[in-house]
PDB file of N, CA and C in Angstrom:
ATOM      1  N   MET A   1       0.842  -1.304  -0.071  1.00  0.00           N
ATOM      2  CA  MET A   1      -0.032   0.160  -0.051  1.00  0.00           C
ATOM      3  C   MET A   1       0.836   1.403   0.018  1.00  0.00           C
ATOM      4  N   ARG A   2       0.530   1.949  -1.208  1.00  0.00           N
ATOM      5  CA  ARG A   2       1.350   3.447  -1.019  1.00  0.00           C
ATOM      6  C   ARG A   2       0.446   4.568  -0.332  1.00  0.00           C
ATOM      7  N   VAL A   3       1.000   5.237   0.555  1.00  0.00           N
ATOM      8  CA  VAL A   3       0.269   6.395   0.873  1.00  0.00           C
ATOM      9  C   VAL A   3       1.105   7.788   1.027  1.00  0.00           C
ATOM     10  N   VAL A   4       0.155   8.430   0.155  1.00  0.00           N
ATOM     11  CA  VAL A   4       0.800  10.168  -0.366  1.00  0.00           C
ATOM     12  C   VAL A   4       0.290  11.107   0.552  1.00  0.00           C
ATOM     13  N   CYS A   5       1.134  11.718   1.242  1.00  0.00           N
ATOM     14  CA  CYS A   5       0.807  12.796   2.589  1.00  0.00           C
ATOM     15  C   CYS A   5       0.886  14.090   2.143  1.00  0.00           C
ATOM     16  N   VAL A   6       0.179  15.113   2.242  1.00  0.00           N
ATOM     17  CA  VAL A   6       0.463  16.742   1.849  1.00  0.00           C
ATOM     18  C   VAL A   6      -0.111  17.326   3.051  1.00  0.00           C
ATOM     19  N   SER A   7       0.400  18.657   3.321  1.00  0.00           N
ATOM     20  CA  SER A   7      -0.740  19.749   4.459  1.00  0.00           C
ATOM     21  C   SER A   7      -0.615  20.679   4.150  1.00  0.00           C
ATOM     22  N   ASP A   8      -1.150  21.429   4.502  1.00  0.00           N
ATOM     23  CA  ASP A   8      -0.812  23.024   4.835  1.00  0.00           C
ATOM     24  C   ASP A   8      -0.608  23.954   3.238  1.00  0.00           C
ATOM     25  N   THR A   9      -1.583  23.559   2.319  1.00  0.00           N
ATOM     26  CA  THR A   9      -1.570  24.194   1.420  1.00  0.00           C
ATOM     27  C   THR A   9      -2.306  25.264   1.092  1.00  0.00           C
ATOM     28  N   HIS A  10      -3.105  25.364   2.242  1.00  0.00           N
ATOM     29  CA  HIS A  10      -3.851  27.015   2.342  1.00  0.00           C
ATOM     30  C   HIS A  10      -4.595  27.350   1.347  1.00  0.00           C
ATOM     31  N   SER A  11      -5.432  26.832   0.145  1.00  0.00           N
ATOM     32  CA  SER A  11      -5.910  27.165  -1.203  1.00  0.00           C
ATOM     33  C   SER A  11      -4.770  27.300  -2.007  1.00  0.00           C
ATOM     34  N   MET A  12      -3.708  26.623  -1.819  1.00  0.00           N
ATOM     35  CA  MET A  12      -2.739  26.638  -2.940  1.00  0.00           C
ATOM     36  C   MET A  12      -2.189  25.606  -3.958  1.00  0.00           C
ATOM     37  N   HIS A  13      -3.020  24.580  -3.794  1.00  0.00           N
ATOM     38  CA  HIS A  13      -3.676  22.830  -3.744  1.00  0.00           C
ATOM     39  C   HIS A  13      -2.780  22.826  -5.315  1.00  0.00           C
ATOM     40  N   ARG A  14      -3.976  23.949  -6.248  1.00  0.00           N
ATOM     41  CA  ARG A  14      -3.199  23.717  -7.529  1.00  0.00           C
ATOM     42  C   ARG A  14      -1.737  24.090  -7.791  1.00  0.00           C
ATOM     43  N   THR A  15      -1.148  24.622  -7.215  1.00  0.00           N
ATOM     44  CA  THR A  15       0.172  24.908  -7.158  1.00  0.00           C
ATOM     45  C   THR A  15       0.964  23.967  -7.194  1.00  0.00           C
ATOM     46  N   LEU A  16       0.636  22.941  -6.609  1.00  0.00           N
ATOM     47  CA  LEU A  16       2.031  21.948  -6.251  1.00  0.00           C
ATOM     48  C   LEU A  16       2.366  20.700  -7.367  1.00  0.00           C
ATOM     49  N   GLY A  17       1.881  21.172  -8.362  1.00  0.00           N
ATOM     50  CA  GLY A  17       2.523  20.116  -9.550  1.00  0.00           C
ATOM     51  C   GLY A  17       1.692  18.730  -9.595  1.00  0.00           C
ATOM     52  N   THR A  18       2.545  17.966  -9.938  1.00  0.00           N
ATOM     53  CA  THR A  18       1.935  16.347  -9.844  1.00  0.00           C
ATOM     54  C   THR A  18       2.217  16.125  -8.635  1.00  0.00           C
ATOM     55  N   ILE A  19       1.060  15.090  -7.959  1.00  0.00           N
ATOM     56  CA  ILE A  19       1.048  14.348  -7.079  1.00  0.00           C
ATOM     57  C   ILE A  19       1.157  13.378  -7.115  1.00  0.00           C
ATOM     58  N   PRO A  20       2.338  12.270  -6.248  1.00  0.00           N
ATOM     59  CA  PRO A  20       2.667  11.002  -6.525  1.00  0.00           C
ATOM     60  C   PRO A  20       1.716  10.245  -6.772  1.00  0.00           C
ATOM     61  N   ASP A  21       1.227   9.059  -7.294  1.00  0.00           N
ATOM     62  CA  ASP A  21       0.550   8.094  -7.517  1.00  0.00           C
ATOM     63  C   ASP A  21       0.541   7.343  -5.996  1.00  0.00           C
ATOM     64  N   GLY A  22      -0.618   6.776  -5.748  1.00  0.00           N
ATOM     65  CA  GLY A  22      -0.730   6.011  -4.178  1.00  0.00           C
ATOM     66  C   GLY A  22      -2.206   5.614  -4.204  1.00  0.00           C
ATOM     67  N   ASP A  23      -1.973   4.377  -3.288  1.00  0.00           N
ATOM     68  CA  ASP A  23      -3.572   3.968  -2.865  1.00  0.00           C
ATOM     69  C   ASP A  23      -4.552   5.199  -2.045  1.00  0.00           C
ATOM     70  N   VAL A  24      -3.696   5.546  -1.094  1.00  0.00           N
ATOM     71  CA  VAL A  24      -4.311   6.496   0.000  1.00  0.00           C
ATOM     72  C   VAL A  24      -3.812   8.241  -0.239  1.00  0.00           C
ATOM     73  N   LEU A  25      -4.345   8.751   0.053  1.00  0.00           N
ATOM     74  CA  LEU A  25      -4.095  10.472  -0.460  1.00  0.00           C
ATOM     75  C   LEU A  25      -4.359  10.634   1.098  1.00  0.00           C
ATOM     76  N   VAL A  26      -3.752  11.225   1.807  1.00  0.00           N
ATOM     77  CA  VAL A  26      -4.120  11.708   3.478  1.00  0.00           C
ATOM     78  C   VAL A  26      -3.489  13.531   3.017  1.00  0.00           C
ATOM     79  N   HIS A  27      -4.713  14.305   3.166  1.00  0.00           N
ATOM     80  CA  HIS A  27      -4.202  15.864   3.281  1.00  0.00           C
ATOM     81  C   HIS A  27      -4.690  16.086   4.719  1.00  0.00           C
ATOM     82  N   ALA A  28      -3.117  16.205   5.553  1.00  0.00           N
ATOM     83  CA  ALA A  28      -3.060  16.698   7.134  1.00  0.00           C
ATOM     84  C   ALA A  28      -3.361  18.025   7.556  1.00  0.00           C
ATOM     85  N   GLY A  29      -4.440  18.688   7.032  1.00  0.00           N
ATOM     86  CA  GLY A  29      -4.830  19.839   7.553  1.00  0.00           C
ATOM     87  C   GLY A  29      -4.639  21.040   6.821  1.00  0.00           C
ATOM     88  N   ASP A  30      -5.030  22.412   6.696  1.00  0.00           N
ATOM     89  CA  ASP A  30      -4.977  23.460   6.522  1.00  0.00           C
ATOM     90  C   ASP A  30      -5.063  23.506   4.985  1.00  0.00           C
ATOM     91  N   PHE A  31      -5.700  22.901   4.504  1.00  0.00           N
ATOM     92  CA  PHE A  31      -6.109  22.767   3.017  1.00  0.00           C
ATOM     93  C   PHE A  31      -7.224  24.384   2.793  1.00  0.00           C
ATOM     94  N   THR A  32      -7.264  25.027   3.297  1.00  0.00           N
ATOM     95  CA  THR A  32      -8.041  26.494   2.616  1.00  0.00           C
ATOM     96  C   THR A  32      -7.275  27.688   3.887  1.00  0.00           C
ATOM     97  N   GLN A  33      -8.073  28.814   3.284  1.00  0.00           N
ATOM     98  CA  GLN A  33      -7.333  29.752   4.282  1.00  0.00           C
ATOM     99  C   GLN A  33      -8.072  29.952   5.784  1.00  0.00           C
ATOM    100  N   THR A  34      -9.526  30.104   4.977  1.00  0.00           N
ATOM    101  CA  THR A  34     -10.290  30.571   6.615  1.00  0.00           C
ATOM    102  C   THR A  34     -11.798  29.380   6.353  1.00  0.00           C
ATOM    103  N   GLY A  35     -11.534  28.415   5.373  1.00  0.00           N
ATOM    104  CA  GLY A  35     -12.678  27.835   5.448  1.00  0.00           C
ATOM    105  C   GLY A  35     -14.176  27.963   4.806  1.00  0.00           C
ATOM    106  N   THR A  36     -14.213  28.790   3.710  1.00  0.00           N
ATOM    107  CA  THR A  36     -15.215  29.506   3.018  1.00  0.00           C
ATOM    108  C   THR A  36     -15.967  28.217   2.241  1.00  0.00           C
ATOM    109  N   LEU A  37     -17.074  28.397   1.958  1.00  0.00           N
ATOM    110  CA  LEU A  37     -17.500  27.366   1.174  1.00  0.00           C
ATOM    111  C   LEU A  37     -16.642  27.191  -0.836  1.00  0.00           C
ATOM    112  N   ALA A  38     -15.991  27.963  -0.887  1.00  0.00           N
ATOM    113  CA  ALA A  38     -15.740  28.601  -2.284  1.00  0.00           C
ATOM    114  C   ALA A  38     -14.247  27.827  -2.091  1.00  0.00           C
ATOM    115  N   GLU A  39     -13.869  28.178  -0.876  1.00  0.00           N
ATOM    116  CA  GLU A  39     -12.366  27.527  -1.123  1.00  0.00           C
ATOM    117  C   GLU A  39     -12.622  26.175  -0.784  1.00  0.00           C
ATOM    118  N   VAL A  40     -13.724  25.373  -0.086  1.00  0.00           N
ATOM    119  CA  VAL A  40     -13.750  24.151   0.022  1.00  0.00           C
ATOM    120  C   VAL A  40     -14.327  23.621  -1.098  1.00  0.00           C
ATOM    121  N   GLN A  41     -15.080  24.136  -1.949  1.00  0.00           N
ATOM    122  CA  GLN A  41     -15.608  23.590  -3.153  1.00  0.00           C
ATOM    123  C   GLN A  41     -14.328  23.141  -4.312  1.00  0.00           C
ATOM    124  N   ASP A  42     -13.744  24.522  -4.167  1.00  0.00           N
ATOM    125  CA  ASP A  42     -12.158  24.450  -5.214  1.00  0.00           C
ATOM    126  C   ASP A  42     -11.520  23.154  -4.744  1.00  0.00           C
ATOM    127  N   PHE A  43     -10.855  23.100  -3.672  1.00  0.00           N
ATOM    128  CA  PHE A  43     -10.508  21.821  -3.301  1.00  0.00           C
ATOM    129  C   PHE A  43     -11.356  20.526  -3.428  1.00  0.00           C
ATOM    130  N   CYS A  44     -12.227  20.190  -3.324  1.00  0.00           N
ATOM    131  CA  CYS A  44     -13.001  19.457  -3.424  1.00  0.00           C
ATOM    132  C   CYS A  44     -12.691  18.795  -5.500  1.00  0.00           C
ATOM    133  N   SER A  45     -13.075  19.979  -5.943  1.00  0.00           N
ATOM    134  CA  SER A  45     -12.948  19.674  -7.251  1.00  0.00           C
ATOM    135  C   SER A  45     -11.031  19.247  -7.954  1.00  0.00           C
ATOM    136  N   TRP A  46     -10.489  19.746  -6.778  1.00  0.00           N
ATOM    137  CA  TRP A  46      -9.147  19.396  -7.247  1.00  0.00           C
ATOM    138  C   TRP A  46      -8.952  18.239  -7.154  1.00  0.00           C
ATOM    139  N   LEU A  47      -9.389  17.869  -5.583  1.00  0.00           N
ATOM    140  CA  LEU A  47      -9.351  16.686  -4.971  1.00  0.00           C
ATOM    141  C   LEU A  47      -9.962  15.783  -5.783  1.00  0.00           C
ATOM    142  N   GLY A  48     -10.774  15.404  -6.482  1.00  0.00           N
ATOM    143  CA  GLY A  48     -11.640  14.694  -7.517  1.00  0.00           C
ATOM    144  C   GLY A  48     -11.147  14.428  -8.608  1.00  0.00           C
ATOM    145  N   SER A  49     -10.227  15.207  -9.148  1.00  0.00           N
ATOM    146  CA  SER A  49      -8.847  14.808 -10.285  1.00  0.00           C
ATOM    147  C   SER A  49      -8.281  14.149  -9.860  1.00  0.00           C
ATOM    148  N   LEU A  50      -7.827  13.613  -8.667  1.00  0.00           N
ATOM    149  CA  LEU A  50      -6.529  12.867  -8.405  1.00  0.00           C
ATOM    150  C   LEU A  50      -7.092  11.386  -8.599  1.00  0.00           C
ATOM    151  N   PRO A  51      -6.115  10.652  -8.679  1.00  0.00           N
ATOM    152  CA  PRO A  51      -6.682   8.975  -8.450  1.00  0.00           C
ATOM    153  C   PRO A  51      -6.376   8.161  -7.888  1.00  0.00           C
ATOM    154  N   HIS A  52      -6.369   8.607  -6.496  1.00  0.00           N
ATOM    155  CA  HIS A  52      -6.195   7.548  -5.464  1.00  0.00           C
ATOM    156  C   HIS A  52      -7.466   7.020  -4.890  1.00  0.00           C
ATOM    157  N   GLU A  53      -7.631   6.312  -5.111  1.00  0.00           N
ATOM    158  CA  GLU A  53      -8.745   5.547  -4.350  1.00  0.00           C
ATOM    159  C   GLU A  53      -9.190   5.765  -3.068  1.00  0.00           C
ATOM    160  N   HIS A  54      -8.513   5.889  -1.890  1.00  0.00           N
ATOM    161  CA  HIS A  54      -9.233   6.503  -0.721  1.00  0.00           C
ATOM    162  C   HIS A  54      -8.338   7.688  -0.617  1.00  0.00           C
ATOM    163  N   LYS A  55      -9.145   8.662   0.230  1.00  0.00           N
ATOM    164  CA  LYS A  55      -8.423  10.335   0.201  1.00  0.00           C
ATOM    165  C   LYS A  55      -9.042  10.402   1.358  1.00  0.00           C
ATOM    166  N   ILE A  56      -7.987  10.869   2.910  1.00  0.00           N
ATOM    167  CA  ILE A  56      -8.676  11.584   3.625  1.00  0.00           C
ATOM    168  C   ILE A  56      -7.796  12.568   4.172  1.00  0.00           C
ATOM    169  N   VAL A  57      -9.279  13.230   4.681  1.00  0.00           N
ATOM    170  CA  VAL A  57      -8.948  14.632   4.801  1.00  0.00           C
ATOM    171  C   VAL A  57      -8.981  15.289   6.160  1.00  0.00           C
ATOM    172  N   ILE A  58      -8.188  15.790   6.782  1.00  0.00           N
ATOM    173  CA  ILE A  58      -8.124  16.204   8.417  1.00  0.00           C
ATOM    174  C   ILE A  58      -7.929  17.955   8.000  1.00  0.00           C
ATOM    175  N   ALA A  59      -9.245  18.294   8.792  1.00  0.00           N
ATOM    176  CA  ALA A  59      -9.585  19.807   9.113  1.00  0.00           C
ATOM    177  C   ALA A  59      -8.489  20.739  10.010  1.00  0.00           C
ATOM    178  N   GLY A  60      -7.798  21.290   9.888  1.00  0.00           N
ATOM    179  CA  GLY A  60      -6.949  21.842  10.446  1.00  0.00           C
ATOM    180  C   GLY A  60      -7.013  22.911  11.229  1.00  0.00           C
ATOM    181  N   ASN A  61      -6.465  23.861  11.799  1.00  0.00           N
ATOM    182  CA  ASN A  61      -7.090  25.114  12.365  1.00  0.00           C
ATOM    183  C   ASN A  61      -7.289  26.151  11.592  1.00  0.00           C
ATOM    184  N   HIS A  62      -6.996  25.976  10.290  1.00  0.00           N
ATOM    185  CA  HIS A  62      -7.605  27.265   9.490  1.00  0.00           C
ATOM    186  C   HIS A  62      -8.694  26.591   8.488  1.00  0.00           C
ATOM    187  N   GLU A  63      -8.864  25.296   8.807  1.00  0.00           N
ATOM    188  CA  GLU A  63     -10.665  25.062   8.577  1.00  0.00           C
ATOM    189  C   GLU A  63     -11.555  25.588   9.775  1.00  0.00           C
ATOM    190  N   THR A  64     -11.483  26.875   9.474  1.00  0.00           N
ATOM    191  CA  THR A  64     -12.566  27.342  11.106  1.00  0.00           C
ATOM    192  C   THR A  64     -13.764  26.968  11.082  1.00  0.00           C
ATOM    193  N   THR A  65     -14.431  26.661   9.721  1.00  0.00           N
ATOM    194  CA  THR A  65     -16.141  26.491   9.786  1.00  0.00           C
ATOM    195  C   THR A  65     -16.191  25.017  10.109  1.00  0.00           C
ATOM    196  N   PHE A  66     -15.286  23.880  10.333  1.00  0.00           N
ATOM    197  CA  PHE A  66     -15.389  22.537  10.602  1.00  0.00           C
ATOM    198  C   PHE A  66     -15.551  22.356  12.087  1.00  0.00           C
ATOM    199  N   ASP A  67     -15.362  23.586  12.707  1.00  0.00           N
ATOM    200  CA  ASP A  67     -15.624  23.541  14.217  1.00  0.00           C
ATOM    201  C   ASP A  67     -16.530  24.283  14.741  1.00  0.00           C
ATOM    202  N   GLU A  68     -17.794  23.501  14.789  1.00  0.00           N
ATOM    203  CA  GLU A  68     -19.171  24.454  14.520  1.00  0.00           C
ATOM    204  C   GLU A  68     -19.398  25.190  15.665  1.00  0.00           C
ATOM    205  N   SER A  69     -18.770  24.835  17.072  1.00  0.00           N
ATOM    206  CA  SER A  69     -18.884  25.679  18.039  1.00  0.00           C
ATOM    207  C   SER A  69     -18.138  27.118  18.191  1.00  0.00           C
ATOM    208  N   TYR A  70     -16.976  26.413  17.733  1.00  0.00           N
ATOM    209  CA  TYR A  70     -16.012  27.679  17.895  1.00  0.00           C
ATOM    210  C   TYR A  70     -16.387  28.599  16.906  1.00  0.00           C
ATOM    211  N   TYR A  71     -16.859  28.264  15.246  1.00  0.00           N
ATOM    212  CA  TYR A  71     -17.450  29.271  14.248  1.00  0.00           C
ATOM    213  C   TYR A  71     -18.098  30.166  14.645  1.00  0.00           C
ATOM    214  N   HIS A  72     -18.994  29.238  15.901  1.00  0.00           N
ATOM    215  CA  HIS A  72     -20.609  30.007  15.900  1.00  0.00           C
ATOM    216  C   HIS A  72     -20.010  31.465  16.785  1.00  0.00           C
ATOM    217  N   ASP A  73     -18.952  31.127  17.865  1.00  0.00           N
ATOM    218  CA  ASP A  73     -18.677  32.488  18.528  1.00  0.00           C
ATOM    219  C   ASP A  73     -17.742  33.190  18.178  1.00  0.00           C
ATOM    220  N   ASN A  74     -16.600  32.956  16.681  1.00  0.00           N
ATOM    221  CA  ASN A  74     -15.888  33.523  16.409  1.00  0.00           C
ATOM    222  C   ASN A  74     -16.106  33.979  14.828  1.00  0.00           C
ATOM    223  N   TRP A  75     -16.896  33.731  14.284  1.00  0.00           N
ATOM    224  CA  TRP A  75     -17.063  33.680  12.652  1.00  0.00           C
ATOM    225  C   TRP A  75     -17.032  35.251  12.027  1.00  0.00           C
ATOM    226  N   LYS A  76     -17.428  36.204  12.862  1.00  0.00           N
ATOM    227  CA  LYS A  76     -16.951  37.757  12.671  1.00  0.00           C
ATOM    228  C   LYS A  76     -15.492  37.850  12.159  1.00  0.00           C
ATOM    229  N   ARG A  77     -14.961  37.355  13.098  1.00  0.00           N
ATOM    230  CA  ARG A  77     -12.989  37.495  13.090  1.00  0.00           C
ATOM    231  C   ARG A  77     -12.491  37.160  11.462  1.00  0.00           C
ATOM    232  N   PHE A  78     -13.550  35.714  11.306  1.00  0.00           N
ATOM    233  CA  PHE A  78     -12.976  35.157   9.710  1.00  0.00           C
ATOM    234  C   PHE A  78     -13.546  35.732   8.560  1.00  0.00           C
ATOM    235  N   HIS A  79     -14.890  36.152   8.847  1.00  0.00           N
ATOM    236  CA  HIS A  79     -15.839  36.467   8.054  1.00  0.00           C
ATOM    237  C   HIS A  79     -16.970  37.062   7.898  1.00  0.00           C
ATOM    238  N   PRO A  80     -16.061  38.375   8.176  1.00  0.00           N
ATOM    239  CA  PRO A  80     -17.088  39.697   8.884  1.00  0.00           C
ATOM    240  C   PRO A  80     -18.205  40.096   7.884  1.00  0.00           C
ATOM    241  N   GLU A  81     -18.154  39.748   6.286  1.00  0.00           N
ATOM    242  CA  GLU A  81     -19.238  40.220   5.853  1.00  0.00           C
ATOM    243  C   GLU A  81     -20.183  39.350   5.450  1.00  0.00           C
ATOM    244  N   ASN A  82     -19.819  37.902   5.591  1.00  0.00           N
ATOM    245  CA  ASN A  82     -20.577  37.061   4.967  1.00  0.00           C
ATOM    246  C   ASN A  82     -20.411  35.713   6.378  1.00  0.00           C
ATOM    247  N   LYS A  83     -21.579  35.306   6.941  1.00  0.00           N
ATOM    248  CA  LYS A  83     -21.141  34.102   7.617  1.00  0.00           C
ATOM    249  C   LYS A  83     -21.128  33.063   6.831  1.00  0.00           C
ATOM    250  N   GLN A  84     -20.469  32.028   6.954  1.00  0.00           N
ATOM    251  CA  GLN A  84     -20.647  30.630   6.354  1.00  0.00           C
ATOM    252  C   GLN A  84     -21.483  29.679   6.684  1.00  0.00           C
ATOM    253  N   ASP A  85     -22.187  28.828   5.571  1.00  0.00           N
ATOM    254  CA  ASP A  85     -23.173  27.476   6.111  1.00  0.00           C
ATOM    255  C   ASP A  85     -22.281  26.683   6.641  1.00  0.00           C
ATOM    256  N   VAL A  86     -22.294  26.479   7.707  1.00  0.00           N
ATOM    257  CA  VAL A  86     -20.971  25.302   8.040  1.00  0.00           C
ATOM    258  C   VAL A  86     -21.422  23.877   7.933  1.00  0.00           C
ATOM    259  N   ALA A  87     -23.174  23.937   7.449  1.00  0.00           N
ATOM    260  CA  ALA A  87     -23.618  22.374   7.172  1.00  0.00           C
ATOM    261  C   ALA A  87     -23.249  22.155   5.751  1.00  0.00           C
ATOM    262  N   MET A  88     -23.530  23.129   4.790  1.00  0.00           N
ATOM    263  CA  MET A  88     -23.155  22.926   3.598  1.00  0.00           C
ATOM    264  C   MET A  88     -21.890  23.045   3.197  1.00  0.00           C
ATOM    265  N   ILE A  89     -20.989  23.500   3.818  1.00  0.00           N
ATOM    266  CA  ILE A  89     -19.395  23.260   3.466  1.00  0.00           C
ATOM    267  C   ILE A  89     -19.156  21.570   3.967  1.00  0.00           C
ATOM    268  N   LYS A  90     -19.487  21.396   4.982  1.00  0.00           N
ATOM    269  CA  LYS A  90     -19.457  19.844   5.452  1.00  0.00           C
ATOM    270  C   LYS A  90     -19.937  18.978   4.608  1.00  0.00           C
ATOM    271  N   SER A  91     -20.839  19.338   3.894  1.00  0.00           N
ATOM    272  CA  SER A  91     -21.538  18.322   3.101  1.00  0.00           C
ATOM    273  C   SER A  91     -20.773  18.331   2.112  1.00  0.00           C
ATOM    274  N   THR A  92     -20.553  19.147   1.361  1.00  0.00           N
ATOM    275  CA  THR A  92     -19.384  19.182   0.022  1.00  0.00           C
ATOM    276  C   THR A  92     -18.549  18.753   0.101  1.00  0.00           C
ATOM    277  N   LEU A  93     -17.785  18.553   1.149  1.00  0.00           N
ATOM    278  CA  LEU A  93     -16.618  18.008   1.678  1.00  0.00           C
ATOM    279  C   LEU A  93     -17.152  15.989   1.586  1.00  0.00           C
ATOM    280  N   SER A  94     -17.940  16.118   2.174  1.00  0.00           N
ATOM    281  CA  SER A  94     -18.331  14.641   2.191  1.00  0.00           C
ATOM    282  C   SER A  94     -18.768  14.123   1.208  1.00  0.00           C
ATOM    283  N   ALA A  95     -19.860  14.988   0.450  1.00  0.00           N
ATOM    284  CA  ALA A  95     -19.932  14.540  -1.318  1.00  0.00           C
ATOM    285  C   ALA A  95     -18.633  13.980  -1.948  1.00  0.00           C
ATOM    286  N   SER A  96     -17.590  14.760  -1.703  1.00  0.00           N
ATOM    287  CA  SER A  96     -16.329  14.583  -2.251  1.00  0.00           C
ATOM    288  C   SER A  96     -15.905  12.878  -2.169  1.00  0.00           C
ATOM    289  N   GLY A  97     -16.486  11.960  -1.245  1.00  0.00           N
ATOM    290  CA  GLY A  97     -16.111  10.546  -1.193  1.00  0.00           C
ATOM    291  C   GLY A  97     -15.040  10.528  -0.229  1.00  0.00           C
ATOM    292  N   CYS A  98     -14.233  11.705   0.552  1.00  0.00           N
ATOM    293  CA  CYS A  98     -13.714  11.999   0.919  1.00  0.00           C
ATOM    294  C   CYS A  98     -14.120  11.142   2.570  1.00  0.00           C
ATOM    295  N   LYS A  99     -12.759  10.443   3.777  1.00  0.00           N
ATOM    296  CA  LYS A  99     -13.348  10.616   5.315  1.00  0.00           C
ATOM    297  C   LYS A  99     -12.356  11.666   5.781  1.00  0.00           C
ATOM    298  N   ILE A 100     -13.423  12.177   6.528  1.00  0.00           N
ATOM    299  CA  ILE A 100     -12.871  13.776   6.918  1.00  0.00           C
ATOM    300  C   ILE A 100     -12.882  13.609   8.853  1.00  0.00           C
ATOM    301  N   TYR A 101     -11.719  14.396   8.921  1.00  0.00           N
ATOM    302  CA  TYR A 101     -11.479  13.939  10.561  1.00  0.00           C
ATOM    303  C   TYR A 101     -11.500  15.570  11.026  1.00  0.00           C
ATOM    304  N   HIS A 102     -11.445  15.879  12.246  1.00  0.00           N
ATOM    305  CA  HIS A 102     -11.276  17.267  12.427  1.00  0.00           C
ATOM    306  C   HIS A 102     -10.142  16.861  13.485  1.00  0.00           C
ATOM    307  N   ALA A 103      -9.290  18.002  13.562  1.00  0.00           N
ATOM    308  CA  ALA A 103      -7.890  17.925  13.940  1.00  0.00           C
ATOM    309  C   ALA A 103      -8.305  17.914  15.741  1.00  0.00           C
ATOM    310  N   HIS A 104      -9.292  18.235  15.971  1.00  0.00           N
ATOM    311  CA  HIS A 104      -9.408  18.423  17.742  1.00  0.00           C
ATOM    312  C   HIS A 104      -9.887  17.012  18.075  1.00  0.00           C
ATOM    313  N   ALA A 105     -10.055  16.269  16.893  1.00  0.00           N
ATOM    314  CA  ALA A 105     -10.957  14.765  17.273  1.00  0.00           C
ATOM    315  C   ALA A 105     -10.232  13.817  17.701  1.00  0.00           C
ATOM    316  N   SER A 106     -10.337  12.713  18.304  1.00  0.00           N
ATOM    317  CA  SER A 106      -9.585  11.774  18.600  1.00  0.00           C
ATOM    318  C   SER A 106      -9.742  10.532  17.359  1.00  0.00           C
ATOM    319  N   CYS A 107      -9.053  10.118  17.070  1.00  0.00           N
ATOM    320  CA  CYS A 107      -9.388   9.297  15.656  1.00  0.00           C
ATOM    321  C   CYS A 107      -7.893   8.527  15.740  1.00  0.00           C
ATOM    322  N   ALA A 108      -7.902   6.897  15.510  1.00  0.00           N
ATOM    323  CA  ALA A 108      -6.910   5.974  14.899  1.00  0.00           C
ATOM    324  C   ALA A 108      -7.370   5.514  13.645  1.00  0.00           C
ATOM    325  N   LEU A 109      -6.255   5.734  12.945  1.00  0.00           N
ATOM    326  CA  LEU A 109      -6.315   5.009  11.350  1.00  0.00           C
ATOM    327  C   LEU A 109      -5.195   4.052  11.430  1.00  0.00           C
ATOM    328  N   ALA A 110      -5.578   2.929  11.423  1.00  0.00           N
ATOM    329  CA  ALA A 110      -4.915   1.611  11.249  1.00  0.00           C
ATOM    330  C   ALA A 110      -5.268   1.200   9.738  1.00  0.00           C
ATOM    331  N   LEU A 111      -3.850   1.464   8.852  1.00  0.00           N
ATOM    332  CA  LEU A 111      -3.307   0.863   7.657  1.00  0.00           C
ATOM    333  C   LEU A 111      -2.720  -0.607   7.738  1.00  0.00           C
ATOM    334  N   ARG A 112      -3.627  -2.081   7.223  1.00  0.00           N
ATOM    335  CA  ARG A 112      -2.502  -2.682   7.255  1.00  0.00           C
ATOM    336  C   ARG A 112      -1.428  -3.038   6.685  1.00  0.00           C
ATOM    337  N   HIS A 113      -0.525  -3.203   7.086  1.00  0.00           N
ATOM    338  CA  HIS A 113       1.195  -2.896   6.963  1.00  0.00           C
ATOM    339  C   HIS A 113       1.159  -4.469   5.673  1.00  0.00           C
ATOM    340  N   THR A 114       1.820  -4.192   4.271  1.00  0.00           N
ATOM    341  CA  THR A 114       1.812  -4.846   3.650  1.00  0.00           C
ATOM    342  C   THR A 114       3.507  -4.787   3.050  1.00  0.00           C
ATOM    343  N   ASN A 115       4.196  -5.968   2.860  1.00  0.00           N
ATOM    344  CA  ASN A 115       5.660  -6.223   2.466  1.00  0.00           C
ATOM    345  C   ASN A 115       5.646  -5.511   1.092  1.00  0.00           C
ATOM    346  N   ILE A 116       6.670  -5.133   0.130  1.00  0.00           N
ATOM    347  CA  ILE A 116       6.492  -4.848  -1.293  1.00  0.00           C
ATOM    348  C   ILE A 116       8.047  -5.059  -1.363  1.00  0.00           C
ATOM    349  N   ASN A 117       8.166  -5.727  -2.038  1.00  0.00           N
ATOM    350  CA  ASN A 117       9.808  -5.807  -2.979  1.00  0.00           C
ATOM    351  C   ASN A 117       9.690  -4.775  -3.604  1.00  0.00           C
ATOM    352  N   THR A 118      10.476  -3.794  -3.664  1.00  0.00           N
ATOM    353  CA  THR A 118      10.881  -2.887  -4.420  1.00  0.00           C
ATOM    354  C   THR A 118      12.470  -3.471  -5.094  1.00  0.00           C
TER     355      THR A 118
END
């Protein structure tokens, strides 16, 4: 099994160039600037163009809209002109076929070890 990991792209994912092939792609947080719907939609479009069979996305501290209680209390700090629709944003990423984890959530991911002769 080949796992490819990226992180901290901050809405610059399209500038990465070629992403290596693999079975699993993990984006380990901070895929947007502030978690707007437009940023998430663009990220999902890019993510959908990648060939990896499994995609795991971890919401980092820049994905402010993924922490509902925090965003509810602080939205004006990040989006003073336009409060974002948290449910719509989360459903957009879910619809892309990713497994989503929040950076503050506790989770364990076990990948079966396979010996590959190279």
